[in-house]
């Protein structure tokens, strides 16, 4: 079984990864792929220097998240890989799911900027559910 777990560095994403690790342990031999999405936030009215600074900051944050996820997988002895990709989160998640031919995408009901406090699914989670063809398991807070 192949699982994809998007990770944004939030505590909720850590909880979601923990649930995915539990699933992998129950289904021996399951593999977890995790994607850390670095959003492409540079827009035309932002100067090149500001854009470079923003991209470098987000890339460093992505590297830090990647190391933490790799550590969590290694600690539990679960096979997996962690990727950093740039782009719109929902598109990166769905493209990665297709490329990795995953069985399930496991996501939190919300991410870093959370809608859970409002009792709703986050925007990225909704888009992945509605735009994708893969089964999505949503982990509640």
N, C-alpha and C. Protein backbone atom coordinates (compact mmCIF):
# COMPACT_ATOMS: atom_id res chain seq x y z
N UNK A 1 0.85 -1.17 0.00
CA UNK A 1 0.00 0.00 0.00
C UNK A 1 0.90 1.24 0.00
N UNK A 2 0.53 2.23 -0.81
CA UNK A 2 1.27 3.48 -0.89
C UNK A 2 0.39 4.62 -0.39
N UNK A 3 0.94 5.40 0.52
CA UNK A 3 0.23 6.51 1.13
C UNK A 3 0.96 7.81 0.82
N UNK A 4 0.22 8.86 0.55
CA UNK A 4 0.80 10.19 0.37
C UNK A 4 0.30 11.09 1.48
N UNK A 5 1.24 11.72 2.18
CA UNK A 5 0.89 12.61 3.29
C UNK A 5 1.51 13.98 3.03
N UNK A 6 0.69 14.95 2.60
CA UNK A 6 1.21 16.31 2.47
C UNK A 6 1.56 16.85 3.86
N UNK A 7 2.61 17.66 3.94
CA UNK A 7 3.02 18.17 5.24
C UNK A 7 3.38 19.64 5.13
N UNK A 8 2.82 20.47 6.00
CA UNK A 8 3.09 21.91 5.97
C UNK A 8 3.85 22.40 7.20
N UNK A 9 4.31 21.46 8.02
CA UNK A 9 5.08 21.84 9.20
C UNK A 9 4.24 22.11 10.43
N UNK A 10 2.93 22.03 10.31
CA UNK A 10 2.05 22.31 11.45
C UNK A 10 1.96 21.10 12.38
N UNK A 11 1.53 21.35 13.60
CA UNK A 11 1.30 20.26 14.56
C UNK A 11 0.23 19.30 14.03
N UNK A 12 -0.77 19.86 13.35
CA UNK A 12 -1.84 19.04 12.79
C UNK A 12 -1.29 18.10 11.71
N UNK A 13 -0.34 18.60 10.92
CA UNK A 13 0.30 17.75 9.90
C UNK A 13 1.11 16.65 10.57
N UNK A 14 1.75 16.95 11.71
CA UNK A 14 2.47 15.92 12.46
C UNK A 14 1.51 14.84 12.95
N UNK A 15 0.35 15.26 13.44
CA UNK A 15 -0.66 14.29 13.90
C UNK A 15 -1.11 13.41 12.73
N UNK A 16 -1.33 14.04 11.58
CA UNK A 16 -1.75 13.30 10.39
C UNK A 16 -0.68 12.30 9.97
N UNK A 17 0.58 12.73 9.98
CA UNK A 17 1.68 11.81 9.65
C UNK A 17 1.73 10.66 10.65
N UNK A 18 1.49 10.95 11.92
CA UNK A 18 1.45 9.89 12.94
C UNK A 18 0.38 8.86 12.64
N UNK A 19 -0.80 9.32 12.23
CA UNK A 19 -1.89 8.39 11.87
C UNK A 19 -1.49 7.56 10.63
N UNK A 20 -0.84 8.19 9.66
CA UNK A 20 -0.39 7.46 8.47
C UNK A 20 0.65 6.40 8.85
N UNK A 21 1.54 6.74 9.76
CA UNK A 21 2.55 5.78 10.23
C UNK A 21 1.86 4.60 10.92
N UNK A 22 0.84 4.88 11.72
CA UNK A 22 0.07 3.79 12.36
C UNK A 22 -0.53 2.88 11.30
N UNK A 23 -1.11 3.47 10.25
CA UNK A 23 -1.68 2.65 9.16
C UNK A 23 -0.61 1.81 8.49
N UNK A 24 0.55 2.41 8.24
CA UNK A 24 1.64 1.69 7.59
C UNK A 24 2.12 0.53 8.45
N UNK A 25 2.18 0.73 9.75
CA UNK A 25 2.61 -0.33 10.66
C UNK A 25 1.60 -1.47 10.69
N UNK A 26 0.31 -1.13 10.64
CA UNK A 26 -0.73 -2.16 10.65
C UNK A 26 -0.75 -2.96 9.35
N UNK A 27 -0.39 -2.31 8.27
CA UNK A 27 -0.37 -2.95 6.95
C UNK A 27 1.09 -3.10 6.54
N UNK A 28 1.79 -4.03 7.17
CA UNK A 28 3.22 -4.22 6.93
C UNK A 28 3.62 -4.04 5.48
N UNK A 29 4.70 -3.34 5.27
CA UNK A 29 5.18 -3.12 3.93
C UNK A 29 4.62 -1.89 3.25
N UNK A 30 3.76 -1.16 3.93
CA UNK A 30 3.22 0.07 3.34
C UNK A 30 4.33 1.11 3.25
N UNK A 31 4.26 1.93 2.24
CA UNK A 31 5.24 2.99 2.01
C UNK A 31 4.55 4.33 2.11
N UNK A 32 5.21 5.26 2.76
CA UNK A 32 4.68 6.62 2.88
C UNK A 32 5.54 7.57 2.06
N UNK A 33 4.88 8.30 1.19
CA UNK A 33 5.53 9.42 0.51
C UNK A 33 4.97 10.68 1.15
N UNK A 34 5.83 11.64 1.36
CA UNK A 34 5.35 12.90 1.91
C UNK A 34 5.84 14.02 1.01
N UNK A 35 4.97 14.98 0.78
CA UNK A 35 5.33 16.13 -0.04
C UNK A 35 5.19 17.39 0.79
N UNK A 36 6.27 18.16 0.80
CA UNK A 36 6.28 19.46 1.44
C UNK A 36 6.15 20.47 0.29
N UNK A 37 5.06 21.21 0.29
CA UNK A 37 4.81 22.14 -0.80
C UNK A 37 5.32 23.53 -0.42
N UNK A 38 6.19 24.05 -1.28
CA UNK A 38 6.67 25.42 -1.12
C UNK A 38 5.85 26.25 -2.09
N UNK A 39 4.92 27.05 -1.57
CA UNK A 39 4.03 27.80 -2.48
C UNK A 39 4.81 28.81 -3.31
N UNK A 40 4.39 28.97 -4.54
CA UNK A 40 4.98 29.94 -5.44
C UNK A 40 4.23 31.25 -5.23
N UNK A 41 4.79 32.13 -4.41
CA UNK A 41 4.08 33.35 -4.03
C UNK A 41 4.57 34.59 -4.76
N UNK A 42 5.57 34.43 -5.62
CA UNK A 42 6.09 35.60 -6.33
C UNK A 42 5.11 36.02 -7.42
N UNK A 43 4.73 37.26 -7.34
CA UNK A 43 3.80 37.81 -8.31
C UNK A 43 4.41 39.05 -8.95
N UNK A 44 3.83 39.48 -10.02
CA UNK A 44 4.45 40.49 -10.87
C UNK A 44 4.81 41.80 -10.16
N UNK A 45 4.05 42.22 -9.16
CA UNK A 45 4.36 43.50 -8.54
C UNK A 45 5.33 43.39 -7.36
N UNK A 46 5.89 42.20 -7.14
CA UNK A 46 6.92 42.02 -6.13
C UNK A 46 8.26 42.09 -6.84
N UNK A 47 9.18 42.85 -6.29
CA UNK A 47 10.50 42.99 -6.90
C UNK A 47 11.28 41.69 -6.86
N UNK A 48 12.26 41.58 -7.74
CA UNK A 48 13.09 40.37 -7.86
C UNK A 48 13.79 40.06 -6.54
N UNK A 49 14.34 41.08 -5.86
CA UNK A 49 15.05 40.85 -4.60
C UNK A 49 14.11 40.30 -3.53
N UNK A 50 12.93 40.90 -3.44
CA UNK A 50 11.94 40.43 -2.47
C UNK A 50 11.49 39.01 -2.79
N UNK A 51 11.33 38.76 -4.08
CA UNK A 51 10.92 37.43 -4.52
C UNK A 51 11.98 36.39 -4.14
N UNK A 52 13.25 36.70 -4.40
CA UNK A 52 14.34 35.79 -4.06
C UNK A 52 14.39 35.53 -2.56
N UNK A 53 14.22 36.59 -1.77
CA UNK A 53 14.23 36.45 -0.31
C UNK A 53 13.09 35.54 0.14
N UNK A 54 11.90 35.76 -0.41
CA UNK A 54 10.74 34.95 -0.08
C UNK A 54 10.96 33.49 -0.47
N UNK A 55 11.44 33.25 -1.68
CA UNK A 55 11.69 31.88 -2.14
C UNK A 55 12.73 31.19 -1.26
N UNK A 56 13.81 31.90 -0.91
CA UNK A 56 14.85 31.31 -0.05
C UNK A 56 14.32 30.97 1.33
N UNK A 57 13.51 31.87 1.88
CA UNK A 57 12.92 31.63 3.21
C UNK A 57 12.01 30.41 3.19
N UNK A 58 11.14 30.32 2.17
CA UNK A 58 10.22 29.19 2.07
C UNK A 58 10.97 27.88 1.80
N UNK A 59 12.04 27.94 1.01
CA UNK A 59 12.84 26.74 0.74
C UNK A 59 13.51 26.24 2.01
N UNK A 60 14.05 27.16 2.82
CA UNK A 60 14.68 26.77 4.10
C UNK A 60 13.65 26.14 5.03
N UNK A 61 12.46 26.74 5.08
CA UNK A 61 11.38 26.16 5.90
C UNK A 61 11.03 24.77 5.39
N UNK A 62 10.95 24.61 4.07
CA UNK A 62 10.66 23.31 3.48
C UNK A 62 11.71 22.27 3.84
N UNK A 63 12.99 22.66 3.80
CA UNK A 63 14.08 21.74 4.17
C UNK A 63 13.97 21.31 5.62
N UNK A 64 13.61 22.24 6.49
CA UNK A 64 13.45 21.93 7.91
C UNK A 64 12.30 20.95 8.12
N UNK A 65 11.19 21.17 7.43
CA UNK A 65 10.05 20.26 7.53
C UNK A 65 10.42 18.89 7.00
N UNK A 66 11.14 18.86 5.88
CA UNK A 66 11.56 17.59 5.27
C UNK A 66 12.38 16.77 6.26
N UNK A 67 13.34 17.41 6.91
CA UNK A 67 14.18 16.70 7.89
C UNK A 67 13.35 16.14 9.04
N UNK A 68 12.38 16.92 9.52
CA UNK A 68 11.53 16.47 10.63
C UNK A 68 10.69 15.27 10.21
N UNK A 69 10.14 15.30 9.01
CA UNK A 69 9.32 14.18 8.52
C UNK A 69 10.19 12.94 8.33
N UNK A 70 11.38 13.11 7.74
CA UNK A 70 12.29 11.98 7.56
C UNK A 70 12.65 11.36 8.91
N UNK A 71 12.84 12.19 9.90
CA UNK A 71 13.17 11.71 11.25
C UNK A 71 12.01 10.90 11.84
N UNK A 72 10.78 11.40 11.66
CA UNK A 72 9.61 10.67 12.18
C UNK A 72 9.47 9.31 11.52
N UNK A 73 9.68 9.25 10.21
CA UNK A 73 9.59 7.97 9.49
C UNK A 73 10.69 7.02 9.95
N UNK A 74 11.91 7.51 10.04
CA UNK A 74 13.05 6.67 10.45
C UNK A 74 12.87 6.15 11.87
N UNK A 75 12.38 7.01 12.75
CA UNK A 75 12.17 6.63 14.15
C UNK A 75 11.23 5.44 14.28
N UNK A 76 10.23 5.37 13.40
CA UNK A 76 9.26 4.28 13.43
C UNK A 76 9.62 3.14 12.48
N UNK A 77 10.71 3.29 11.74
CA UNK A 77 11.14 2.23 10.83
C UNK A 77 10.20 2.04 9.65
N UNK A 78 9.54 3.11 9.21
CA UNK A 78 8.61 3.04 8.10
C UNK A 78 9.31 3.49 6.83
N UNK A 79 9.16 2.71 5.75
CA UNK A 79 9.75 3.07 4.47
C UNK A 79 9.04 4.29 3.92
N UNK A 80 9.84 5.20 3.36
CA UNK A 80 9.21 6.36 2.77
C UNK A 80 10.21 7.31 2.15
N UNK A 81 9.67 8.29 1.47
CA UNK A 81 10.49 9.35 0.91
C UNK A 81 9.78 10.67 1.12
N UNK A 82 10.57 11.73 1.22
CA UNK A 82 10.03 13.05 1.43
C UNK A 82 10.55 13.95 0.32
N UNK A 83 9.63 14.65 -0.32
CA UNK A 83 9.96 15.53 -1.44
C UNK A 83 9.57 16.95 -1.11
N UNK A 84 10.29 17.89 -1.69
CA UNK A 84 9.91 19.29 -1.63
C UNK A 84 9.59 19.70 -3.05
N UNK A 85 8.40 20.25 -3.24
CA UNK A 85 7.98 20.69 -4.57
C UNK A 85 7.35 22.07 -4.47
N UNK A 86 7.52 22.85 -5.51
CA UNK A 86 6.97 24.20 -5.54
C UNK A 86 5.69 24.24 -6.36
N UNK A 87 4.77 25.10 -5.94
CA UNK A 87 3.54 25.28 -6.71
C UNK A 87 2.34 25.45 -5.82
N UNK A 88 1.18 25.45 -6.46
CA UNK A 88 -0.08 25.53 -5.72
C UNK A 88 -0.28 24.20 -4.98
N UNK A 89 -0.49 24.23 -3.67
CA UNK A 89 -0.54 22.99 -2.89
C UNK A 89 -1.44 21.90 -3.45
N UNK A 90 -2.69 22.25 -3.80
CA UNK A 90 -3.62 21.21 -4.28
C UNK A 90 -3.12 20.56 -5.57
N UNK A 91 -2.54 21.36 -6.46
CA UNK A 91 -2.04 20.81 -7.72
C UNK A 91 -0.81 19.93 -7.49
N UNK A 92 0.10 20.39 -6.62
CA UNK A 92 1.29 19.60 -6.32
C UNK A 92 0.90 18.28 -5.67
N UNK A 93 -0.04 18.31 -4.74
CA UNK A 93 -0.47 17.09 -4.06
C UNK A 93 -1.08 16.11 -5.06
N UNK A 94 -1.97 16.58 -5.91
CA UNK A 94 -2.63 15.69 -6.88
C UNK A 94 -1.65 15.16 -7.93
N UNK A 95 -0.74 16.00 -8.41
CA UNK A 95 0.27 15.55 -9.37
C UNK A 95 1.18 14.50 -8.75
N UNK A 96 1.58 14.74 -7.50
CA UNK A 96 2.45 13.78 -6.80
C UNK A 96 1.72 12.47 -6.58
N UNK A 97 0.45 12.52 -6.22
CA UNK A 97 -0.35 11.30 -6.04
C UNK A 97 -0.39 10.50 -7.33
N UNK A 98 -0.56 11.18 -8.46
CA UNK A 98 -0.57 10.50 -9.76
C UNK A 98 0.81 9.90 -10.07
N UNK A 99 1.85 10.69 -9.89
CA UNK A 99 3.21 10.24 -10.20
C UNK A 99 3.62 9.05 -9.32
N UNK A 100 3.22 9.08 -8.06
CA UNK A 100 3.59 8.03 -7.11
C UNK A 100 2.62 6.85 -7.15
N UNK A 101 1.52 7.00 -7.89
CA UNK A 101 0.50 5.96 -7.98
C UNK A 101 0.07 5.48 -6.58
N UNK A 102 -0.33 6.44 -5.75
CA UNK A 102 -0.67 6.12 -4.36
C UNK A 102 -2.07 5.53 -4.25
N UNK A 103 -2.27 4.79 -3.18
CA UNK A 103 -3.59 4.23 -2.90
C UNK A 103 -4.46 5.22 -2.14
N UNK A 104 -3.85 6.00 -1.25
CA UNK A 104 -4.59 6.96 -0.45
C UNK A 104 -3.77 8.23 -0.25
N UNK A 105 -4.45 9.35 -0.22
CA UNK A 105 -3.87 10.60 0.25
C UNK A 105 -4.42 10.79 1.65
N UNK A 106 -3.55 11.02 2.61
CA UNK A 106 -3.98 11.21 3.99
C UNK A 106 -3.64 12.64 4.37
N UNK A 107 -4.68 13.42 4.68
CA UNK A 107 -4.50 14.84 4.97
C UNK A 107 -5.24 15.22 6.25
N UNK A 108 -4.78 16.30 6.84
CA UNK A 108 -5.51 16.86 7.97
C UNK A 108 -6.73 17.62 7.46
N UNK A 109 -7.71 17.75 8.33
CA UNK A 109 -8.91 18.50 7.96
C UNK A 109 -8.55 19.94 7.62
N UNK A 110 -7.43 20.39 8.15
CA UNK A 110 -6.96 21.73 7.86
C UNK A 110 -5.46 21.76 8.07
N UNK A 111 -4.84 22.81 7.63
CA UNK A 111 -3.38 22.91 7.76
C UNK A 111 -2.98 24.08 8.64
N UNK A 112 -1.86 24.66 8.28
CA UNK A 112 -1.25 25.73 9.05
C UNK A 112 -2.17 26.91 9.30
N UNK A 113 -2.97 27.22 8.33
CA UNK A 113 -3.81 28.41 8.44
C UNK A 113 -5.25 28.07 8.77
N UNK A 114 -5.48 26.89 9.24
CA UNK A 114 -6.65 26.20 9.67
C UNK A 114 -8.04 26.78 9.62
N UNK A 115 -8.91 25.98 9.06
CA UNK A 115 -10.33 26.28 9.04
C UNK A 115 -11.06 25.48 10.11
N UNK A 116 -10.35 24.58 10.78
CA UNK A 116 -11.00 23.69 11.74
C UNK A 116 -11.66 24.47 12.87
N UNK A 117 -11.08 25.59 13.24
CA UNK A 117 -11.70 26.37 14.31
C UNK A 117 -13.07 26.87 13.90
N UNK A 118 -13.31 26.95 12.59
CA UNK A 118 -14.62 27.34 12.10
C UNK A 118 -15.51 26.13 11.85
N UNK A 119 -14.96 24.95 12.07
CA UNK A 119 -15.75 23.74 11.86
C UNK A 119 -15.84 23.33 10.41
N UNK A 120 -14.89 23.78 9.59
CA UNK A 120 -14.92 23.47 8.16
C UNK A 120 -13.61 22.83 7.73
N UNK A 121 -13.66 22.17 6.58
CA UNK A 121 -12.42 21.66 6.01
C UNK A 121 -11.62 22.81 5.45
N UNK A 122 -10.30 22.66 5.47
CA UNK A 122 -9.44 23.67 4.89
C UNK A 122 -9.59 23.71 3.38
N UNK A 123 -9.18 24.81 2.78
CA UNK A 123 -9.32 25.01 1.34
C UNK A 123 -8.56 24.00 0.52
N UNK A 124 -7.32 23.70 0.91
CA UNK A 124 -6.52 22.75 0.14
C UNK A 124 -7.13 21.35 0.25
N UNK A 125 -7.54 20.97 1.44
CA UNK A 125 -8.17 19.65 1.62
C UNK A 125 -9.41 19.52 0.75
N UNK A 126 -10.25 20.55 0.75
CA UNK A 126 -11.47 20.52 -0.09
C UNK A 126 -11.11 20.37 -1.56
N UNK A 127 -10.14 21.12 -2.02
CA UNK A 127 -9.75 21.06 -3.43
C UNK A 127 -9.19 19.69 -3.79
N UNK A 128 -8.38 19.10 -2.93
CA UNK A 128 -7.83 17.76 -3.21
C UNK A 128 -8.96 16.74 -3.29
N UNK A 129 -9.92 16.83 -2.39
CA UNK A 129 -11.06 15.91 -2.40
C UNK A 129 -11.88 16.09 -3.68
N UNK A 130 -12.17 17.32 -4.03
CA UNK A 130 -13.08 17.60 -5.14
C UNK A 130 -12.43 17.51 -6.52
N UNK A 131 -11.16 17.82 -6.62
CA UNK A 131 -10.50 17.82 -7.93
C UNK A 131 -9.80 16.51 -8.28
N UNK A 132 -9.50 15.72 -7.27
CA UNK A 132 -8.69 14.52 -7.50
C UNK A 132 -9.50 13.27 -7.72
N UNK A 133 -8.80 12.24 -8.18
CA UNK A 133 -9.42 10.94 -8.41
C UNK A 133 -9.05 9.93 -7.34
N UNK A 134 -8.12 10.30 -6.46
CA UNK A 134 -7.64 9.38 -5.43
C UNK A 134 -8.55 9.42 -4.20
N UNK A 135 -8.57 8.33 -3.48
CA UNK A 135 -9.27 8.30 -2.20
C UNK A 135 -8.49 9.15 -1.22
N UNK A 136 -9.22 9.95 -0.43
CA UNK A 136 -8.59 10.84 0.54
C UNK A 136 -9.12 10.47 1.92
N UNK A 137 -8.20 10.25 2.84
CA UNK A 137 -8.56 10.02 4.24
C UNK A 137 -8.27 11.33 4.97
N UNK A 138 -9.28 11.87 5.62
CA UNK A 138 -9.15 13.15 6.32
C UNK A 138 -9.06 12.87 7.81
N UNK A 139 -8.00 13.40 8.43
CA UNK A 139 -7.78 13.24 9.86
C UNK A 139 -8.32 14.49 10.57
N UNK A 140 -9.21 14.26 11.51
CA UNK A 140 -9.78 15.39 12.27
C UNK A 140 -8.84 15.76 13.40
N UNK A 141 -9.01 16.98 13.87
CA UNK A 141 -8.17 17.50 14.95
C UNK A 141 -8.36 16.75 16.24
